[in-house]
Protein backbone atom coordinates (compact mmCIF):
# COMPACT_ATOMS: atom_id res chain seq x y z
CA MET A 1 16.57 -56.35 64.38
CA PRO A 2 15.03 -57.97 61.30
CA LEU A 3 11.49 -57.49 60.15
CA PRO A 4 8.92 -59.77 61.81
CA ASP A 5 8.79 -63.18 60.15
CA ALA A 6 11.55 -62.16 57.75
CA ASN A 7 14.98 -63.53 57.03
CA ASN A 8 17.72 -61.69 58.85
CA TYR A 9 19.57 -60.84 55.67
CA SER A 10 18.83 -58.88 52.47
CA MET A 11 20.14 -59.99 49.14
CA ARG A 12 19.36 -56.70 47.34
CA ILE A 13 18.01 -53.67 49.18
CA TYR A 14 20.45 -53.52 52.08
CA GLU A 15 23.26 -55.03 50.07
CA LEU A 16 23.15 -52.39 47.35
CA LEU A 17 22.47 -49.41 49.64
CA LYS A 18 24.62 -50.31 52.63
CA GLU A 19 27.25 -47.65 51.91
CA THR A 20 24.70 -44.77 51.48
CA ASP A 21 23.17 -42.85 54.38
CA LEU A 22 19.56 -41.62 54.35
CA GLU A 23 20.51 -37.95 54.03
CA ASN A 24 22.28 -38.53 50.73
CA LEU A 25 20.01 -41.19 49.28
CA SER A 26 18.19 -39.62 46.34
CA TYR A 27 14.99 -40.90 44.89
CA ALA A 28 16.79 -41.68 41.64
CA GLN A 29 19.27 -43.95 43.47
CA PHE A 30 16.48 -45.61 45.40
CA GLN A 31 14.45 -46.11 42.23
CA GLY A 32 17.43 -47.67 40.45
CA VAL A 33 17.66 -50.34 43.14
CA ALA A 34 13.93 -50.93 43.50
CA GLU A 35 12.78 -51.06 39.90
CA LYS A 36 14.61 -54.31 39.14
CA LEU A 37 12.80 -56.17 41.90
CA PHE A 38 10.36 -58.77 40.60
CA ILE A 39 6.91 -58.87 42.17
CA GLU A 40 6.70 -62.46 43.47
CA PRO A 41 6.31 -64.24 46.85
CA GLU A 42 10.02 -64.88 47.17
CA ASN A 43 10.65 -61.10 47.19
CA GLU A 44 8.05 -60.21 49.83
CA ASP A 45 10.67 -59.49 52.48
CA GLU A 46 12.68 -57.29 50.08
CA MET A 47 9.56 -55.30 49.17
CA ARG A 48 8.86 -54.73 52.88
CA ARG A 49 12.42 -53.49 53.29
CA LEU A 50 11.91 -51.32 50.18
CA VAL A 51 8.95 -49.51 51.74
CA LEU A 52 10.79 -49.12 55.04
CA VAL A 53 13.83 -47.52 53.35
CA GLN A 54 11.68 -45.13 51.31
CA LEU A 55 9.73 -44.00 54.40
CA ALA A 56 12.94 -43.47 56.28
CA ARG A 57 14.50 -41.53 53.38
CA MET A 58 11.44 -39.23 53.14
CA ALA A 59 11.42 -38.67 56.90
CA VAL A 60 15.02 -37.49 56.79
CA ARG A 61 14.98 -35.55 53.47
CA GLY A 62 11.38 -34.29 53.37
CA ASP A 63 11.34 -35.59 49.80
CA TRP A 64 8.05 -37.18 48.80
CA ASN A 65 9.05 -38.11 45.24
CA GLY A 66 7.52 -41.40 44.34
CA PHE A 67 4.53 -41.11 46.67
CA LEU A 68 2.75 -37.87 45.50
CA THR A 69 3.52 -38.26 41.78
CA GLY A 70 2.12 -40.65 39.24
CA SER A 71 3.71 -43.76 37.86
CA SER A 72 5.60 -41.58 35.32
CA GLY A 73 8.00 -40.66 38.07
CA ILE A 74 7.45 -36.88 37.92
CA GLY A 75 8.43 -35.33 41.23
CA GLY A 76 7.31 -32.20 43.05
CA SER A 77 3.95 -31.07 44.32
CA ILE A 78 1.04 -30.65 41.87
CA ALA A 79 -2.18 -28.85 42.73
CA THR A 80 -5.52 -29.32 40.98
CA ASP A 81 -5.38 -28.52 37.22
CA GLN A 82 -1.58 -28.01 37.30
CA VAL A 83 0.85 -29.69 34.89
CA ALA A 84 4.37 -30.88 35.80
CA PHE A 85 7.25 -32.13 33.66
CA GLY A 86 10.39 -34.21 34.21
CA SER A 87 11.30 -36.83 36.78
CA GLY A 88 13.48 -37.32 39.80
CA THR A 89 15.82 -34.44 40.68
CA ASP A 90 15.06 -32.89 37.27
CA ALA A 91 11.35 -32.62 37.97
CA ILE A 92 9.54 -29.32 37.39
CA GLU A 93 6.86 -28.92 39.98
CA GLY A 94 3.35 -27.99 38.98
CA ASN A 95 2.48 -24.30 39.44
CA ASP A 96 -0.06 -21.70 38.34
CA ASN A 97 2.06 -20.59 35.35
CA PHE A 98 1.08 -23.67 33.37
CA LYS A 99 -2.17 -25.49 33.96
CA PHE A 100 -5.44 -26.68 32.47
CA THR A 101 -8.38 -24.41 33.23
CA GLY A 102 -11.82 -25.42 32.09
CA SER A 103 -12.64 -27.62 29.12
CA SER A 104 -9.52 -28.31 27.01
CA VAL A 105 -7.97 -24.91 27.83
CA LEU A 106 -4.24 -24.80 28.56
CA GLU A 107 -3.30 -21.62 30.44
CA LEU A 108 0.26 -20.33 30.02
CA VAL A 109 1.50 -17.23 31.86
CA ASN A 110 3.36 -14.60 29.76
CA THR A 111 5.77 -16.56 27.55
CA LEU A 112 5.75 -19.60 25.28
CA ASP A 113 9.31 -20.21 24.07
CA ILE A 114 9.49 -22.68 21.19
CA GLY A 115 13.12 -23.75 20.78
CA GLY A 116 15.04 -26.38 18.91
CA VAL A 117 18.28 -26.44 16.94
CA GLY A 118 17.73 -26.06 13.19
CA ALA A 119 13.95 -26.34 13.40
CA ALA A 120 11.11 -23.87 12.94
CA GLY A 121 8.70 -23.42 15.82
CA ILE A 122 5.20 -24.52 14.82
CA ILE A 123 1.80 -23.88 16.38
CA LYS A 124 -0.97 -25.56 14.41
CA ASN A 125 -4.56 -26.73 14.54
CA SER A 126 -4.65 -30.27 13.19
CA GLN A 127 -8.43 -30.26 12.85
CA SER A 128 -9.52 -29.95 9.19
CA LYS A 129 -11.33 -26.72 8.20
CA GLN A 130 -10.97 -25.19 11.67
CA ASP A 131 -9.45 -21.79 12.48
CA LEU A 132 -6.48 -20.95 14.68
CA GLU A 133 -7.18 -17.73 16.61
CA LEU A 134 -4.90 -15.35 18.49
CA LYS A 135 -6.99 -13.32 20.93
CA VAL A 136 -6.36 -10.40 23.26
CA THR A 137 -8.65 -8.52 25.61
CA GLY A 138 -9.32 -4.82 26.05
CA ARG A 139 -7.03 -2.64 23.93
CA GLY A 140 -4.29 -5.24 23.58
CA ASN A 141 -2.58 -5.75 20.20
CA VAL A 142 -1.24 -8.83 18.44
CA ARG A 143 2.38 -8.03 17.53
CA VAL A 144 5.08 -9.70 15.46
CA LYS A 145 8.52 -8.58 16.63
CA ASN A 146 12.08 -9.65 15.92
CA GLU A 147 14.01 -9.96 19.21
CA THR A 148 17.40 -9.37 17.52
CA THR A 149 18.45 -5.72 17.76
CA ASN A 150 18.13 -3.67 14.54
CA GLN A 151 16.68 -6.56 12.58
CA ALA A 152 13.58 -6.16 10.40
CA SER A 153 10.35 -7.90 11.40
CA GLN A 154 8.65 -9.77 8.58
CA LEU A 155 5.16 -11.27 8.56
CA ASN A 156 4.74 -13.91 5.85
CA ILE A 157 1.29 -14.95 4.65
CA GLN A 158 1.99 -18.01 2.52
CA GLY A 159 -0.54 -19.85 0.39
CA ASN A 160 -0.06 -23.60 0.11
CA GLY A 161 1.22 -24.52 -3.35
CA SER A 162 -0.56 -22.26 -5.85
CA GLY A 163 -3.09 -21.01 -3.29
CA ASP A 164 -3.36 -17.22 -3.06
CA PRO A 165 -2.03 -15.46 0.07
CA ILE A 166 -4.90 -13.32 1.43
CA ILE A 167 -5.24 -10.88 4.34
CA SER A 168 -8.87 -10.27 5.28
CA LEU A 169 -9.74 -7.19 7.36
CA SER A 170 -13.23 -7.18 8.85
CA ASN A 171 -15.56 -6.50 11.74
CA ASP A 172 -19.31 -6.98 12.12
CA THR A 173 -20.16 -4.28 9.54
CA LYS A 174 -17.06 -3.66 7.36
CA SER A 175 -14.61 -5.76 5.37
CA VAL A 176 -11.90 -5.54 2.72
CA SER A 177 -9.19 -7.97 1.64
CA LEU A 178 -5.62 -7.76 0.38
CA GLN A 179 -4.42 -10.57 -1.79
CA CYS A 180 -1.68 -11.55 -4.20
CA ASP A 181 -3.46 -13.45 -6.96
CA THR A 182 -0.93 -12.53 -9.68
CA ASN A 183 2.85 -12.50 -9.29
CA GLN A 184 4.14 -9.11 -8.01
CA LYS A 185 0.64 -7.60 -7.96
CA LEU A 186 -1.39 -6.65 -4.89
CA SER A 187 -5.18 -6.52 -5.15
CA VAL A 188 -7.35 -4.55 -2.73
CA LYS A 189 -10.83 -6.08 -2.96
CA GLY A 190 -14.11 -4.87 -1.58
CA GLY A 191 -17.20 -6.68 -2.81
CA SER A 192 -17.08 -7.04 -6.61
CA ASP A 193 -14.59 -4.16 -7.20
CA GLU A 194 -10.83 -4.03 -6.76
CA PHE A 195 -7.69 -1.91 -7.07
CA VAL A 196 -4.60 -3.66 -8.46
CA PHE A 197 -1.12 -2.34 -7.58
CA ASP A 198 1.38 -3.65 -10.13
CA ALA A 199 4.91 -3.73 -8.67
CA SER A 200 6.39 -5.89 -11.43
CA SER A 201 8.12 -2.94 -13.11
CA ALA A 202 8.65 0.83 -12.84
CA THR A 203 5.72 1.35 -15.24
CA GLY A 204 3.36 -1.16 -13.63
CA GLY A 205 1.03 1.40 -12.08
CA ILE A 206 -2.41 1.14 -10.48
CA THR A 207 -5.47 -0.37 -12.14
CA TRP A 208 -8.61 1.36 -10.85
CA PRO A 209 -11.98 -0.37 -10.45
CA ASP A 210 -13.23 1.15 -13.73
CA GLY A 211 -10.33 -0.48 -15.60
CA THR A 212 -8.21 2.65 -16.14
CA ILE A 213 -4.49 2.47 -15.39
CA GLN A 214 -2.41 5.13 -13.65
CA THR A 215 1.38 4.81 -13.94
CA THR A 216 2.48 8.01 -12.15
CA ALA A 217 0.91 10.49 -9.74
CA ALA A 218 0.14 12.84 -12.64
CA SER A 219 -0.90 10.44 -15.37
CA GLY A 220 -3.68 8.08 -16.32
CA SER A 221 -7.15 8.58 -17.70
CA GLY A 222 -8.79 7.64 -14.42
CA GLY A 223 -9.11 11.12 -12.93
CA SER A 224 -5.55 12.40 -12.59
CA LYS A 225 -6.57 15.74 -14.19
CA TYR A 226 -9.74 17.74 -13.73
CA ALA A 227 -11.18 20.91 -15.19
CA ALA A 228 -11.23 23.92 -12.89
CA ASN A 229 -12.91 27.31 -13.18
CA SER A 230 -10.20 29.97 -13.37
CA LEU A 231 -12.10 32.32 -11.06
CA ILE A 232 -12.02 29.75 -8.23
CA LYS A 233 -8.27 29.04 -8.35
CA ALA A 234 -8.84 25.38 -7.46
CA PRO A 235 -5.76 23.64 -6.00
CA ASP A 236 -4.10 20.41 -7.07
CA GLN A 237 -5.33 17.39 -5.17
CA THR A 238 -3.36 14.35 -4.00
CA THR A 239 -3.87 12.40 -7.24
CA ASN A 240 -5.72 14.99 -9.32
CA ASN A 241 -4.16 18.08 -10.88
CA ALA A 242 -6.32 21.12 -11.65
CA TYR A 243 -6.25 22.35 -15.26
CA PHE A 244 -7.50 25.77 -16.36
CA PRO A 245 -8.50 27.27 -19.69
CA LEU A 246 -5.73 29.54 -20.88
CA ASN A 247 -7.70 32.03 -22.99
CA LEU A 248 -10.19 34.52 -21.62
CA SER A 249 -13.23 32.80 -23.11
CA GLY A 250 -12.65 29.97 -20.64
CA TYR A 251 -13.65 32.32 -17.81
CA PHE A 252 -17.14 32.37 -19.30
CA LEU A 253 -17.61 28.59 -19.34
CA GLN A 254 -16.99 28.02 -23.02
CA GLY A 255 -16.07 24.61 -24.31
CA ASN A 256 -14.52 23.59 -27.62
CA THR A 257 -12.52 25.24 -30.33
CA GLN A 258 -14.04 22.58 -32.59
CA VAL A 259 -14.01 23.08 -36.34
CA THR A 260 -11.11 23.92 -38.60
CA ASN A 261 -12.17 27.55 -39.13
CA TRP A 262 -10.67 28.44 -35.72
CA ASN A 263 -7.65 29.89 -37.53
CA THR A 264 -6.72 31.51 -40.80
CA THR A 265 -5.12 29.85 -43.82
CA ASP A 266 -2.62 32.69 -44.01
CA THR A 267 0.71 31.12 -42.98
CA THR A 268 2.46 34.52 -42.97
CA ALA A 269 0.24 35.99 -40.25
CA ILE A 270 -0.18 35.35 -36.55
CA ARG A 271 -3.35 35.81 -34.55
CA LEU A 272 -3.12 36.74 -30.88
CA ILE A 273 -5.84 36.32 -28.25
CA GLN A 274 -5.55 37.44 -24.65
CA ALA A 275 -5.25 35.09 -21.67
CA LEU A 276 -4.88 35.43 -17.89
CA ALA A 277 -2.90 33.31 -15.42
CA PRO A 278 -5.51 32.08 -12.89
CA LYS A 279 -3.04 31.77 -10.00
CA ALA A 280 0.59 32.37 -9.08
CA GLY A 281 3.22 29.70 -9.62
CA THR A 282 5.03 27.89 -12.43
CA LEU A 283 3.06 27.30 -15.61
CA ASP A 284 4.46 23.84 -16.35
CA GLU A 285 2.08 22.14 -18.78
CA LEU A 286 -0.09 22.98 -21.77
CA ALA A 287 -2.61 20.54 -23.23
CA PHE A 288 -4.88 20.33 -26.27
CA ARG A 289 -5.87 17.66 -28.76
CA THR A 290 -6.61 17.33 -32.41
CA GLY A 291 -9.96 16.17 -33.68
CA SER A 292 -10.76 13.94 -36.64
CA THR A 293 -9.26 16.42 -39.12
CA ALA A 294 -5.46 16.70 -39.11
CA GLY A 295 -3.56 19.46 -40.81
CA ASP A 296 -0.17 21.07 -41.29
CA THR A 297 2.32 21.89 -38.54
CA LEU A 298 0.73 24.02 -35.83
CA TYR A 299 2.99 26.79 -34.50
CA PHE A 300 2.06 28.12 -31.06
CA ALA A 301 3.61 30.77 -28.76
CA ILE A 302 2.89 32.67 -25.54
CA TYR A 303 3.82 36.35 -25.15
CA ALA A 304 3.98 38.48 -22.02
CA SER A 305 2.21 41.85 -21.77
CA ASP A 306 3.55 45.35 -21.34
CA SER A 307 2.19 48.00 -18.98
CA ASN A 308 -0.69 48.61 -21.40
CA ASN A 309 -1.52 44.88 -21.44
CA MET A 310 -0.38 44.55 -25.06
CA PRO A 311 1.85 41.68 -26.28
CA THR A 312 5.52 42.54 -26.07
CA GLY A 313 9.06 41.18 -26.45
CA ASP A 314 10.12 37.72 -27.59
CA PRO A 315 7.82 34.75 -26.92
CA ILE A 316 8.24 33.31 -23.44
CA PHE A 317 7.31 29.88 -24.85
CA THR A 318 7.06 28.34 -28.33
CA PHE A 319 5.93 24.94 -29.54
CA ASN A 320 5.18 23.22 -32.82
CA THR A 321 3.38 19.95 -33.36
CA GLY A 322 5.12 18.87 -36.52
CA THR A 323 2.62 17.56 -39.05
CA THR A 324 -0.46 16.97 -36.95
CA THR A 325 -2.27 13.64 -36.70
CA ALA A 326 -5.93 13.12 -35.99
CA ASN A 327 -7.21 12.40 -32.48
CA THR A 328 -3.87 13.07 -30.79
CA GLN A 329 -3.23 14.59 -27.39
CA TYR A 330 -0.43 17.18 -27.14
CA GLU A 331 1.01 18.08 -23.73
CA PRO A 332 4.20 20.14 -24.16
CA THR A 333 6.20 20.92 -21.04
CA ILE A 334 6.58 24.59 -20.09
CA SER A 335 8.46 26.37 -17.31
CA VAL A 336 7.17 29.92 -17.02
CA THR A 337 6.75 31.79 -13.73
CA VAL A 338 3.44 33.66 -13.58
CA THR A 339 1.56 35.79 -11.06
CA GLU A 340 -2.15 35.64 -10.35
CA GLY A 341 -4.10 37.58 -12.98
CA GLN A 342 -1.03 38.19 -15.13
CA PRO A 343 -2.09 39.08 -18.73
CA LEU A 344 -0.64 36.77 -21.40
CA TRP A 345 -1.17 36.45 -25.16
CA ILE A 346 -1.61 33.24 -27.18
CA ALA A 347 -0.18 33.45 -30.71
CA THR A 348 -0.74 30.97 -33.58
CA PHE A 349 0.21 30.97 -37.24
CA GLY A 350 -2.38 30.09 -39.86
CA GLN A 351 -2.36 26.72 -41.63
CA THR A 352 -2.93 25.95 -45.29
CA ASN A 353 -4.52 22.67 -44.19
CA ARG A 354 -6.13 23.59 -40.94
CA THR A 355 -6.24 21.32 -37.90
CA GLN A 356 -9.39 20.59 -35.96
CA ILE A 357 -8.72 21.39 -32.28
CA TRP A 358 -10.75 20.18 -29.29
CA THR A 359 -10.32 20.69 -25.58
CA THR A 360 -13.18 18.41 -24.55
CA TYR A 361 -14.09 14.94 -25.67
CA SER A 362 -16.38 14.88 -28.70
CA GLY A 363 -17.36 12.57 -31.52
CA SER A 364 -16.92 8.82 -31.73
CA THR A 365 -13.12 8.76 -31.51
CA SER A 366 -11.54 6.67 -28.81
CA VAL A 367 -9.23 9.43 -27.61
CA ARG A 368 -10.54 11.05 -24.46
CA ALA A 369 -9.65 14.70 -24.21
CA TRP A 370 -7.62 15.15 -21.08
CA PRO A 371 -7.29 17.65 -19.68
CA MET A 372 -10.72 19.27 -19.99
CA THR A 373 -11.78 22.84 -19.91
CA PRO A 374 -15.28 23.40 -18.54
CA ARG A 375 -18.14 22.24 -20.73
CA PHE A 376 -21.15 22.43 -18.49
CA LEU A 377 -23.84 22.21 -21.17
CA SER A 378 -23.59 19.90 -24.15
CA SER A 379 -25.03 22.64 -26.36
CA ILE A 380 -22.14 25.03 -25.63
CA ASN A 381 -19.59 23.89 -28.17
CA TYR A 382 -17.87 27.05 -29.32
CA SER A 383 -16.30 30.17 -27.91
CA ASN A 384 -18.18 33.42 -27.87
CA ASP A 385 -16.82 36.30 -29.88
CA GLN A 386 -13.53 37.69 -28.57
CA ASN A 387 -11.25 40.40 -29.87
CA GLN A 388 -8.21 39.09 -31.73
CA LEU A 389 -5.05 40.86 -32.86
CA THR A 390 -3.48 40.03 -36.23
CA LEU A 391 0.06 40.70 -37.41
CA ASN A 392 0.84 40.11 -41.11
CA GLY A 393 3.95 39.80 -43.28
CA LEU A 394 5.81 37.16 -41.28
CA THR A 395 7.70 33.94 -42.05
CA ASN A 396 5.70 30.83 -41.15
CA GLY A 397 6.86 29.45 -37.81
CA VAL A 398 9.10 32.41 -36.93
CA PHE A 399 7.58 34.40 -34.09
CA PRO A 400 8.67 38.05 -34.12
CA THR A 401 9.85 40.34 -31.35
CA LEU A 402 6.97 42.69 -30.46
CA SER A 403 7.04 46.22 -29.07
CA SER A 404 4.76 49.19 -28.43
CA SER A 405 5.39 50.31 -32.00
CA THR A 406 4.16 47.05 -33.57
CA GLU A 407 1.12 47.70 -35.77
CA PHE A 408 -1.70 45.18 -35.25
CA THR A 409 -5.12 44.89 -36.83
CA SER A 410 -8.08 43.94 -34.65
CA THR A 411 -10.80 41.47 -35.53
CA LEU A 412 -13.77 40.06 -33.59
CA VAL A 413 -13.73 36.26 -34.02
CA THR A 414 -15.99 33.42 -32.87
CA TYR A 415 -13.64 30.42 -33.05
CA GLN A 416 -10.33 30.58 -31.22
CA PHE A 417 -7.47 28.30 -30.32
CA LYS A 418 -8.11 26.91 -26.85
CA ALA A 419 -5.85 24.96 -24.54
CA ALA A 420 -5.72 23.89 -20.91
CA ILE A 421 -2.82 24.69 -18.61
CA HIS A 422 -1.47 23.45 -15.29
CA ILE A 423 0.23 25.71 -12.76
CA THR A 424 2.23 24.45 -9.81
CA GLU A 425 1.69 26.90 -6.98
CA THR A 426 4.71 28.44 -5.26
């Protein structure tokens, strides 16, 4: 029977839905018929029929879409603080995985998947001069991980335009920052001081806070070599190699060779002074420097000892400087296997124009004497007297083969050739 006081026919609702039963009538179909109905007195009967059909549809289907959702058409049930998306049969119901909790806080459970073809996912704070924070609780970590198997994970810190990319590490009491303020250089800054790691070339190196530059693990004037007492047998450190005095006087804390009267002017004679290897290993570097007075070519050799601790055989190492230049560091490479306490002999020819030799920094020259032998008191400049062997009648620069029958003369001398050595332990 028709509705009370209503026409007994329907021009729209029944006409358009007459071939659809209530079980199969979806909210989307119902909405498509209803939404074109104008709200005016002439349509009062149709709107009454509209409500009747919707109530009947919900009674049969148990589908309350359109009554418990807002005017946006989102379907499903939504509890307090929950958020729902979609409409009609495509609606996503509200649930506890995605909701507003408290003042302007959106709570998302476990995963936020930002998708889109050909577009980067972006999370941003549009408020000027405000931070964007990622927070965890307890011992949780913030991780950046590539989900593709065997692919590298890359974290990019990108300054805008010419702005420097900076990583700041801090807590309530400590802080340091990493930043790239010059192309291909990384600065580690703490307060007013900084380390600069130059990766622009193979020789870029590290600039230390005092301004010195280190280009390899065993170079640089910023502490890559240090003087060690031979009796202690100090080891190499991570970035600092230990250097020892080669001659015996170094065991007694003597400093410089200093003035040019360290050797003779006789170029046909060699002088030999005794030395000891402070520890076992490979003697792989010798070092000394000239002072402000340069001279002729300096010929230098190291001899082994026989069972009587006298020099014997051919030299196990020889070196010549060529014509020496003032304030120059010499660091010839050696490869001689030694044992701890092994007696050695240093041999040098005389020079017509003698060279000033230093093993510690002295004077106003800009050349710092690395490596150093110990100089613990500024007043100790010279070596104490030490016995020296002399062999005459030789050709300048040609070191002879020595034996137990070689005839030496012995002299007590004050000034001696001094050098520092490095030994790699085996």
